[in-house]
C-alpha atoms as a PDB file:
ATOM      1  CA  MET A   1       6.873   2.510  44.239  1.00  0.00           C
ATOM      2  CA  ALA A   2       9.913   1.016  42.497  1.00  0.00           C
ATOM      3  CA  ALA A   3       8.254  -2.391  42.486  1.00  0.00           C
ATOM      4  CA  SER A   4       5.142  -0.887  40.886  1.00  0.00           C
ATOM      5  CA  THR A   5       7.225   0.763  38.164  1.00  0.00           C
ATOM      6  CA  ALA A   6       9.061  -2.484  37.461  1.00  0.00           C
ATOM      7  CA  HIS A   7       5.738  -4.320  37.196  1.00  0.00           C
ATOM      8  CA  ARG A   8       4.504  -1.843  34.594  1.00  0.00           C
ATOM      9  CA  LYS A   9       7.715  -2.343  32.595  1.00  0.00           C
ATOM     10  CA  ILE A  10       7.193  -6.108  32.625  1.00  0.00           C
ATOM     11  CA  GLU A  11       3.651  -5.636  31.406  1.00  0.00           C
ATOM     12  CA  ARG A  12       4.865  -3.470  28.535  1.00  0.00           C
ATOM     13  CA  ALA A  13       7.369  -6.128  27.473  1.00  0.00           C
ATOM     14  CA  PHE A  14       4.755  -8.435  25.929  1.00  0.00           C
ATOM     15  CA  CYS A  15       1.304  -8.552  24.329  1.00  0.00           C
ATOM     16  CA  THR A  16      -1.395 -11.156  23.908  1.00  0.00           C
ATOM     17  CA  THR A  17      -2.086 -12.439  20.402  1.00  0.00           C
ATOM     18  CA  ARG A  18      -5.373 -10.522  20.349  1.00  0.00           C
ATOM     19  CA  GLU A  19      -3.597  -7.283  21.312  1.00  0.00           C
ATOM     20  CA  VAL A  20      -1.067  -7.874  18.516  1.00  0.00           C
ATOM     21  CA  ALA A  21      -3.900  -8.483  16.036  1.00  0.00           C
ATOM     22  CA  GLU A  22      -5.471  -5.147  17.015  1.00  0.00           C
ATOM     23  CA  MET A  23      -2.147  -3.273  16.826  1.00  0.00           C
ATOM     24  CA  LEU A  24      -1.294  -4.639  13.362  1.00  0.00           C
ATOM     25  CA  ASN A  25      -4.903  -4.751  12.089  1.00  0.00           C
ATOM     26  CA  ILE A  26      -4.679  -8.436  11.211  1.00  0.00           C
ATOM     27  CA  SER A  27      -6.485 -11.583  12.381  1.00  0.00           C
ATOM     28  CA  VAL A  28      -5.436 -13.612  15.429  1.00  0.00           C
ATOM     29  CA  GLY A  29      -4.892 -16.578  13.105  1.00  0.00           C
ATOM     30  CA  THR A  30      -2.378 -14.567  11.087  1.00  0.00           C
ATOM     31  CA  VAL A  31      -0.584 -13.541  14.300  1.00  0.00           C
ATOM     32  CA  GLN A  32      -0.243 -17.212  15.248  1.00  0.00           C
ATOM     33  CA  LEU A  33       1.154 -18.060  11.806  1.00  0.00           C
ATOM     34  CA  TRP A  34       3.683 -15.225  12.022  1.00  0.00           C
ATOM     35  CA  VAL A  35       4.780 -16.504  15.439  1.00  0.00           C
ATOM     36  CA  GLU A  36       5.172 -20.051  14.110  1.00  0.00           C
ATOM     37  CA  ASN A  37       7.258 -18.772  11.181  1.00  0.00           C
ATOM     38  CA  GLY A  38       9.496 -16.521  13.276  1.00  0.00           C
ATOM     39  CA  MET A  39       8.157 -13.158  12.112  1.00  0.00           C
ATOM     40  CA  LEU A  40       7.148 -12.422  15.713  1.00  0.00           C
ATOM     41  CA  ARG A  41       9.069 -13.551  18.817  1.00  0.00           C
ATOM     42  CA  ALA A  42       6.851 -15.242  21.395  1.00  0.00           C
ATOM     43  CA  TRP A  43       6.673 -17.768  24.211  1.00  0.00           C
ATOM     44  CA  LYS A  44       4.027 -19.619  26.193  1.00  0.00           C
ATOM     45  CA  THR A  45       3.135 -19.115  29.841  1.00  0.00           C
ATOM     46  CA  PRO A  46       2.919 -22.130  32.201  1.00  0.00           C
ATOM     47  CA  GLY A  47      -0.831 -21.989  31.622  1.00  0.00           C
ATOM     48  CA  GLY A  48      -0.352 -22.374  27.846  1.00  0.00           C
ATOM     49  CA  HIS A  49      -1.150 -18.754  26.892  1.00  0.00           C
ATOM     50  CA  ARG A  50       0.962 -17.269  24.129  1.00  0.00           C
ATOM     51  CA  ARG A  51       2.778 -14.000  24.793  1.00  0.00           C
ATOM     52  CA  VAL A  52       4.418 -11.959  22.036  1.00  0.00           C
ATOM     53  CA  ALA A  53       7.458  -9.755  22.620  1.00  0.00           C
ATOM     54  CA  ARG A  54       6.348  -6.131  22.271  1.00  0.00           C
ATOM     55  CA  GLU A  55       9.710  -5.234  20.737  1.00  0.00           C
ATOM     56  CA  SER A  56       9.118  -7.580  17.795  1.00  0.00           C
ATOM     57  CA  VAL A  57       5.573  -6.236  17.360  1.00  0.00           C
ATOM     58  CA  GLU A  58       6.794  -2.641  17.296  1.00  0.00           C
ATOM     59  CA  LYS A  59       9.515  -3.572  14.802  1.00  0.00           C
ATOM     60  CA  LEU A  60       6.950  -5.144  12.474  1.00  0.00           C
ATOM     61  CA  LEU A  61       4.570  -2.222  12.990  1.00  0.00           C
ATOM     62  CA  HIS A  62       7.361   0.186  12.045  1.00  0.00           C
ATOM     63  CA  THR A  63       7.971  -1.809   8.859  1.00  0.00           C
ATOM     64  CA  LYS A  64       4.265  -1.700   7.956  1.00  0.00           C
ATOM     65  CA  MET A  65       4.184   2.088   8.539  1.00  0.00           C
ATOM     66  CA  ASN A  66       7.194   2.597   6.276  1.00  0.00           C
ATOM     67  CA  GLU A  67       5.388   0.601   3.606  1.00  0.00           C
ATOM     68  CA  GLY A  68       2.316   2.807   3.948  1.00  0.00           C
ATOM     69  CA  SER A  69       2.860   4.770   0.742  1.00  0.00           C
ATOM     70  CA  ALA A  70       3.353   1.566  -1.242  1.00  0.00           C
ATOM     71  CA  ALA A  71       0.282   0.034   0.377  1.00  0.00           C
ATOM     72  CA  ALA A  72      -1.756   3.089  -0.526  1.00  0.00           C
ATOM     73  CA  SER A  73      -0.855   2.663  -4.182  1.00  0.00           C
ATOM     74  CA  LEU A  74      -2.132  -0.931  -3.999  1.00  0.00           C
ATOM     75  CA  ALA A  75      -5.321  -0.148  -2.097  1.00  0.00           C
ATOM     76  CA  TRP A  76      -8.584  -0.309  -4.023  1.00  0.00           C
ATOM     77  CA  GLN A  77     -11.808   1.619  -3.475  1.00  0.00           C
ATOM     78  CA  GLU A  78     -14.673  -0.420  -2.025  1.00  0.00           C
ATOM     79  CA  GLN A  79     -17.209   0.893  -4.557  1.00  0.00           C
ATOM     80  CA  VAL A  80     -17.614  -0.682  -7.996  1.00  0.00           C
ATOM     81  CA  ARG A  81     -14.050  -1.264  -9.055  1.00  0.00           C
ATOM     82  CA  PRO A  82     -12.020  -3.785 -11.035  1.00  0.00           C
ATOM     83  CA  LEU A  83     -12.061  -7.353  -9.790  1.00  0.00           C
ATOM     84  CA  ARG A  84      -9.163  -8.046  -7.440  1.00  0.00           C
ATOM     85  CA  VAL A  85      -7.302 -11.287  -8.050  1.00  0.00           C
ATOM     86  CA  LEU A  86      -4.394 -12.604  -5.994  1.00  0.00           C
ATOM     87  CA  VAL A  87      -2.307 -15.461  -7.387  1.00  0.00           C
ATOM     88  CA  VAL A  88      -0.060 -17.479  -5.059  1.00  0.00           C
ATOM     89  CA  GLU A  89       2.413 -19.612  -7.017  1.00  0.00           C
ATOM     90  CA  ASP A  90       6.142 -20.258  -6.543  1.00  0.00           C
ATOM     91  CA  ASP A  91       6.900 -20.952 -10.217  1.00  0.00           C
ATOM     92  CA  ALA A  92       8.135 -17.644 -11.680  1.00  0.00           C
ATOM     93  CA  ALA A  93       7.236 -18.644 -15.251  1.00  0.00           C
ATOM     94  CA  LEU A  94       3.669 -19.488 -14.201  1.00  0.00           C
ATOM     95  CA  LEU A  95       3.332 -16.197 -12.349  1.00  0.00           C
ATOM     96  CA  ARG A  96       4.280 -14.331 -15.536  1.00  0.00           C
ATOM     97  CA  LEU A  97       1.781 -16.446 -17.479  1.00  0.00           C
ATOM     98  CA  TYR A  98      -0.988 -15.660 -14.993  1.00  0.00           C
ATOM     99  CA  ASP A  99      -0.216 -11.945 -15.128  1.00  0.00           C
ATOM    100  CA  THR A 100      -0.042 -11.829 -18.939  1.00  0.00           C
ATOM    101  CA  THR A 101      -3.145 -13.938 -19.549  1.00  0.00           C
ATOM    102  CA  MET A 102      -5.358 -12.193 -17.023  1.00  0.00           C
ATOM    103  CA  SER A 103      -4.401  -8.777 -18.389  1.00  0.00           C
ATOM    104  CA  LEU A 104      -6.320  -9.777 -21.545  1.00  0.00           C
ATOM    105  CA  TRP A 105      -9.538 -10.718 -19.747  1.00  0.00           C
ATOM    106  CA  THR A 106     -12.563  -8.601 -20.642  1.00  0.00           C
ATOM    107  CA  MET A 107     -13.286  -7.545 -17.034  1.00  0.00           C
ATOM    108  CA  ALA A 108      -9.711  -6.179 -16.779  1.00  0.00           C
ATOM    109  CA  PRO A 109      -9.008  -7.454 -13.253  1.00  0.00           C
ATOM    110  CA  GLU A 110      -6.363  -5.954 -11.009  1.00  0.00           C
ATOM    111  CA  VAL A 111      -3.956  -8.822 -10.470  1.00  0.00           C
ATOM    112  CA  ALA A 112      -1.348  -9.234  -7.740  1.00  0.00           C
ATOM    113  CA  VAL A 113       1.066 -12.173  -7.718  1.00  0.00           C
ATOM    114  CA  VAL A 114       3.194 -13.541  -4.858  1.00  0.00           C
ATOM    115  CA  ASP A 115       5.467 -16.568  -4.646  1.00  0.00           C
ATOM    116  CA  ASN A 116       5.140 -17.584  -0.970  1.00  0.00           C
ATOM    117  CA  GLY A 117       2.538 -18.041   1.746  1.00  0.00           C
ATOM    118  CA  ILE A 118       3.808 -15.356   4.123  1.00  0.00           C
ATOM    119  CA  ASP A 119       3.625 -12.578   1.527  1.00  0.00           C
ATOM    120  CA  ALA A 120       0.262 -13.979   0.418  1.00  0.00           C
ATOM    121  CA  LEU A 121      -1.248 -13.520   3.890  1.00  0.00           C
ATOM    122  CA  LEU A 122       0.165  -9.997   4.077  1.00  0.00           C
ATOM    123  CA  MET A 123      -1.337  -9.180   0.670  1.00  0.00           C
ATOM    124  CA  ILE A 124      -4.711 -10.676   1.611  1.00  0.00           C
ATOM    125  CA  GLU A 125      -4.816  -8.501   4.734  1.00  0.00           C
ATOM    126  CA  ARG A 126      -3.843  -5.462   2.665  1.00  0.00           C
ATOM    127  CA  VAL A 127      -6.036  -5.691  -0.438  1.00  0.00           C
ATOM    128  CA  ASN A 128      -8.889  -8.104   0.397  1.00  0.00           C
ATOM    129  CA  PRO A 129      -9.016  -9.875  -2.996  1.00  0.00           C
ATOM    130  CA  ASP A 130     -12.254 -11.043  -4.583  1.00  0.00           C
ATOM    131  CA  LEU A 131     -10.568 -14.173  -5.930  1.00  0.00           C
ATOM    132  CA  LEU A 132      -7.616 -16.085  -4.519  1.00  0.00           C
ATOM    133  CA  ILE A 133      -5.883 -18.538  -6.870  1.00  0.00           C
ATOM    134  CA  LEU A 134      -3.659 -20.762  -4.771  1.00  0.00           C
ATOM    135  CA  ASP A 135      -1.025 -23.400  -5.373  1.00  0.00           C
ATOM    136  CA  LEU A 136      -0.826 -25.855  -2.464  1.00  0.00           C
ATOM    137  CA  MET A 137       2.947 -26.274  -2.312  1.00  0.00           C
ATOM    138  CA  VAL A 138       4.427 -22.824  -1.805  1.00  0.00           C
ATOM    139  CA  PRO A 139       7.254 -21.864   0.573  1.00  0.00           C
ATOM    140  CA  GLY A 140       6.866 -20.026   3.862  1.00  0.00           C
ATOM    141  CA  ILE A 141       3.359 -21.213   4.692  1.00  0.00           C
ATOM    142  CA  ASP A 142       1.920 -23.866   2.419  1.00  0.00           C
ATOM    143  CA  GLY A 143      -1.498 -23.701   0.793  1.00  0.00           C
ATOM    144  CA  PHE A 144      -3.015 -26.269   3.147  1.00  0.00           C
ATOM    145  CA  LYS A 145      -2.223 -24.152   6.203  1.00  0.00           C
ATOM    146  CA  MET A 146      -3.385 -20.983   4.450  1.00  0.00           C
ATOM    147  CA  LEU A 147      -6.739 -22.572   3.605  1.00  0.00           C
ATOM    148  CA  GLU A 148      -7.154 -23.736   7.191  1.00  0.00           C
ATOM    149  CA  VAL A 149      -6.673 -20.199   8.505  1.00  0.00           C
ATOM    150  CA  LEU A 150      -8.663 -18.383   5.823  1.00  0.00           C
ATOM    151  CA  THR A 151     -11.731 -20.640   5.870  1.00  0.00           C
ATOM    152  CA  LYS A 152     -12.029 -20.409   9.657  1.00  0.00           C
ATOM    153  CA  ASN A 153     -12.056 -16.612   9.638  1.00  0.00           C
ATOM    154  CA  PRO A 154     -15.451 -15.011   8.791  1.00  0.00           C
ATOM    155  CA  ARG A 155     -13.588 -11.931   7.576  1.00  0.00           C
ATOM    156  CA  TYR A 156     -12.747 -13.838   4.390  1.00  0.00           C
ATOM    157  CA  ALA A 157     -16.126 -15.501   3.868  1.00  0.00           C
ATOM    158  CA  SER A 158     -16.837 -13.469   0.722  1.00  0.00           C
ATOM    159  CA  MET A 159     -13.458 -14.225  -0.887  1.00  0.00           C
ATOM    160  CA  ALA A 160     -13.675 -16.880  -3.597  1.00  0.00           C
ATOM    161  CA  ILE A 161     -10.830 -19.405  -3.585  1.00  0.00           C
ATOM    162  CA  ALA A 162      -9.649 -21.702  -6.358  1.00  0.00           C
ATOM    163  CA  VAL A 163      -6.812 -24.178  -5.896  1.00  0.00           C
ATOM    164  CA  VAL A 164      -4.635 -24.874  -8.940  1.00  0.00           C
ATOM    165  CA  SER A 165      -2.270 -27.739  -8.216  1.00  0.00           C
ATOM    166  CA  GLY A 166      -0.155 -30.377  -9.890  1.00  0.00           C
ATOM    167  CA  MET A 167      -0.871 -32.775  -7.008  1.00  0.00           C
ATOM    168  CA  ASP A 168      -3.271 -35.634  -7.646  1.00  0.00           C
ATOM    169  CA  GLU A 169      -6.377 -36.245  -5.521  1.00  0.00           C
ATOM    170  CA  ASP A 170      -4.801 -38.982  -3.366  1.00  0.00           C
ATOM    171  CA  THR A 171      -1.754 -36.855  -2.571  1.00  0.00           C
ATOM    172  CA  ILE A 172      -3.952 -33.920  -1.595  1.00  0.00           C
ATOM    173  CA  LYS A 173      -5.938 -36.189   0.731  1.00  0.00           C
ATOM    174  CA  ARG A 174      -2.732 -37.446   2.360  1.00  0.00           C
ATOM    175  CA  HIS A 175      -1.851 -33.827   3.147  1.00  0.00           C
ATOM    176  CA  GLY A 176      -5.194 -33.307   4.897  1.00  0.00           C
ATOM    177  CA  GLY A 177      -7.364 -32.380   1.933  1.00  0.00           C
ATOM    178  CA  VAL A 178      -8.983 -29.120   0.893  1.00  0.00           C
ATOM    179  CA  PRO A 179     -11.996 -27.602   2.726  1.00  0.00           C
ATOM    180  CA  ALA A 180     -15.412 -28.279   1.214  1.00  0.00           C
ATOM    181  CA  GLY A 181     -16.654 -25.794  -1.348  1.00  0.00           C
ATOM    182  CA  ILE A 182     -13.215 -24.942  -2.757  1.00  0.00           C
ATOM    183  CA  GLU A 183     -12.704 -25.990  -6.359  1.00  0.00           C
ATOM    184  CA  VAL A 184      -9.474 -27.874  -7.067  1.00  0.00           C
ATOM    185  CA  LEU A 185      -8.202 -27.453 -10.630  1.00  0.00           C
ATOM    186  CA  PRO A 186      -5.318 -29.349 -12.250  1.00  0.00           C
ATOM    187  CA  LYS A 187      -2.220 -28.037 -13.950  1.00  0.00           C
ATOM    188  CA  PRO A 188      -1.547 -26.965 -16.695  1.00  0.00           C
ATOM    189  CA  VAL A 189      -3.425 -23.902 -15.511  1.00  0.00           C
ATOM    190  CA  PRO A 190      -7.049 -24.093 -16.780  1.00  0.00           C
ATOM    191  CA  PHE A 191      -7.422 -20.430 -17.681  1.00  0.00           C
ATOM    192  CA  ALA A 192     -10.816 -20.968 -19.320  1.00  0.00           C
ATOM    193  CA  ARG A 193     -12.288 -22.191 -16.037  1.00  0.00           C
ATOM    194  CA  LEU A 194     -10.599 -19.414 -14.058  1.00  0.00           C
ATOM    195  CA  PHE A 195     -12.060 -16.880 -16.473  1.00  0.00           C
ATOM    196  CA  GLU A 196     -15.538 -18.344 -15.856  1.00  0.00           C
ATOM    197  CA  LEU A 197     -15.069 -17.969 -12.105  1.00  0.00           C
ATOM    198  CA  ALA A 198     -13.819 -14.407 -12.487  1.00  0.00           C
ATOM    199  CA  HIS A 199     -16.709 -13.484 -14.796  1.00  0.00           C
ATOM    200  CA  GLN A 200     -19.237 -14.900 -12.298  1.00  0.00           C
ATOM    201  CA  LEU A 201     -17.691 -12.876  -9.480  1.00  0.00           C
ATOM    202  CA  GLU A 202     -17.664  -9.721 -11.591  1.00  0.00           C
ATOM    203  CA  ALA A 203     -21.334 -10.201 -12.525  1.00  0.00           C
ATOM    204  CA  ARG A 204     -22.312 -10.814  -8.906  1.00  0.00           C
ATOM    205  CA  LYS A 205     -20.434  -7.724  -7.728  1.00  0.00           C
ATOM    206  CA  ARG A 206     -21.952  -5.476 -10.373  1.00  0.00           C
ATOM    207  CA  ASN A 207     -25.448  -6.818  -9.810  1.00  0.00           C
ATOM    208  CA  SER A 208     -25.195  -6.125  -6.084  1.00  0.00           C
ATOM    209  CA  ALA A 209     -24.148  -2.563  -6.923  1.00  0.00           C
ATOM    210  CA  GLY A 210     -26.951  -2.153  -9.478  1.00  0.00           C
ATOM    211  CA  VAL A 211     -24.580  -1.840 -12.429  1.00  0.00           C
ATOM    212  CA  ALA A 212     -25.258  -3.575 -15.722  1.00  0.00           C
ATOM    213  CA  VAL A 213     -22.788  -6.275 -16.671  1.00  0.00           C
ATOM    214  CA  GLN A 214     -21.010  -5.683 -20.000  1.00  0.00           C
END
């Protein structure tokens, strides 16, 4: 009987990555990134299967629950609503420029800005943006790794992504390149082109909802 109880305690000490994804309502890919970046404590079995310490999962879950009221204020309705744009850029001056410029756009998008890849993935899970504007060299998790995870997950298939980078084409290729279908724009930030992309997304969203575009 004691041995059976001890066995149950051992089982409760860890979770699989899929179990963690279900507990935190995130993708398995995001769980793996959080493990690699130390947000979750984990190890591998002799067979190569990753196990995540339940204690670290519960700690992160507790943090997410405490942030619930803040998350609710950021959540958007899924009906016809302002375009959601998430900007990932580690230059504080550029983030302010993005926020100020986009606030003047005619479709009045709801804009969120973050300065690192870890917070970006959290925000993507939380608000499901229509448009992600991404710099490739950001701390935490760089843009290359983010693109790899996001483009492999069908959950994000409808999210438009635009890369805005100061890196030249050869340098981007040396880092592994950008997945096909993602537009790479140079710096200084080409706001005219970003506005075109945002306007196209807004028109598509309104047309699908049967609402006339202004």
